[in-house]
Amino acid sequence: MSIEIGQTWREVDPRFDRRVKVVGFCEETGKVKIESAGKVTKARRERFNSKRGGYELVPTN
């Protein structure tokens, strides 16, 4: 599955309902820039795997 700018992903953790939006990519580290609650951070690409501890893609209608 490819990660694209503008996609919304949900954290796979039953304790939270956190959603992040992909806003870019960091060329130096290879990480994905994500925005959540107005704050931009970075996450490893390996976390976008739809498994617990990672993120799953939110389907668009």
Protein backbone atom coordinates (compact mmCIF):
# COMPACT_ATOMS: atom_id res chain seq x y z
CA MET A 1 0.00 0.00 0.00
CA SER A 2 1.41 3.38 -0.93
CA ILE A 3 1.41 6.37 1.38
CA GLU A 4 0.28 9.57 -0.32
CA ILE A 5 0.06 13.19 0.74
CA GLY A 6 -3.46 14.10 1.87
CA GLN A 7 -4.40 10.63 3.11
CA THR A 8 -5.94 10.21 6.56
CA TRP A 9 -4.78 7.30 8.73
CA ARG A 10 -6.11 6.06 12.09
CA GLU A 11 -3.93 4.77 14.90
CA VAL A 12 -4.61 1.05 15.48
CA ASP A 13 -5.07 1.10 19.25
CA PRO A 14 -8.41 0.46 20.98
CA ARG A 15 -7.56 2.99 23.70
CA PHE A 16 -7.39 5.94 21.26
CA ASP A 17 -9.24 7.33 18.27
CA ARG A 18 -6.37 9.38 16.89
CA ARG A 19 -6.30 10.29 13.23
CA VAL A 20 -3.35 11.75 11.38
CA LYS A 21 -3.05 13.35 7.97
CA VAL A 22 -0.03 12.82 5.72
CA VAL A 23 1.40 16.26 4.89
CA GLY A 24 4.76 15.34 3.35
CA PHE A 25 7.91 13.23 3.41
CA CYS A 26 11.32 13.87 4.98
CA GLU A 27 14.04 13.19 2.41
CA GLU A 28 16.89 13.00 4.96
CA THR A 29 15.32 10.41 7.27
CA GLY A 30 12.82 8.73 4.95
CA LYS A 31 10.05 9.35 7.47
CA VAL A 32 6.48 10.47 6.81
CA LYS A 33 5.44 13.93 8.01
CA ILE A 34 2.06 13.73 9.71
CA GLU A 35 -0.27 16.30 11.26
CA SER A 36 -2.42 15.61 14.30
CA ALA A 37 -4.24 18.22 16.40
CA GLY A 38 -2.44 20.99 14.52
CA LYS A 39 1.04 19.62 15.30
CA VAL A 40 3.35 18.27 12.58
CA THR A 41 5.59 15.33 13.54
CA LYS A 42 7.32 12.44 11.77
CA ALA A 43 6.59 8.70 11.77
CA ARG A 44 8.48 5.72 10.37
CA ARG A 45 7.04 4.30 7.15
CA GLU A 46 6.90 0.85 8.77
CA ARG A 47 4.11 2.06 11.08
CA PHE A 48 1.70 2.42 8.14
CA ASN A 49 0.92 -1.32 8.11
CA SER A 50 -2.65 -1.60 9.52
CA LYS A 51 -1.37 -3.54 12.55
CA ARG A 52 -1.60 -2.71 16.24
CA GLY A 53 0.94 -0.05 17.13
CA GLY A 54 0.73 1.36 13.63
CA TYR A 55 -1.73 3.18 11.41
CA GLU A 56 -4.51 1.98 9.10
CA LEU A 57 -5.84 3.94 6.13
CA VAL A 58 -9.22 5.60 6.68
CA PRO A 59 -11.43 4.79 3.68
CA THR A 60 -12.75 7.76 1.74
CA ASN A 61 -16.41 7.78 0.76
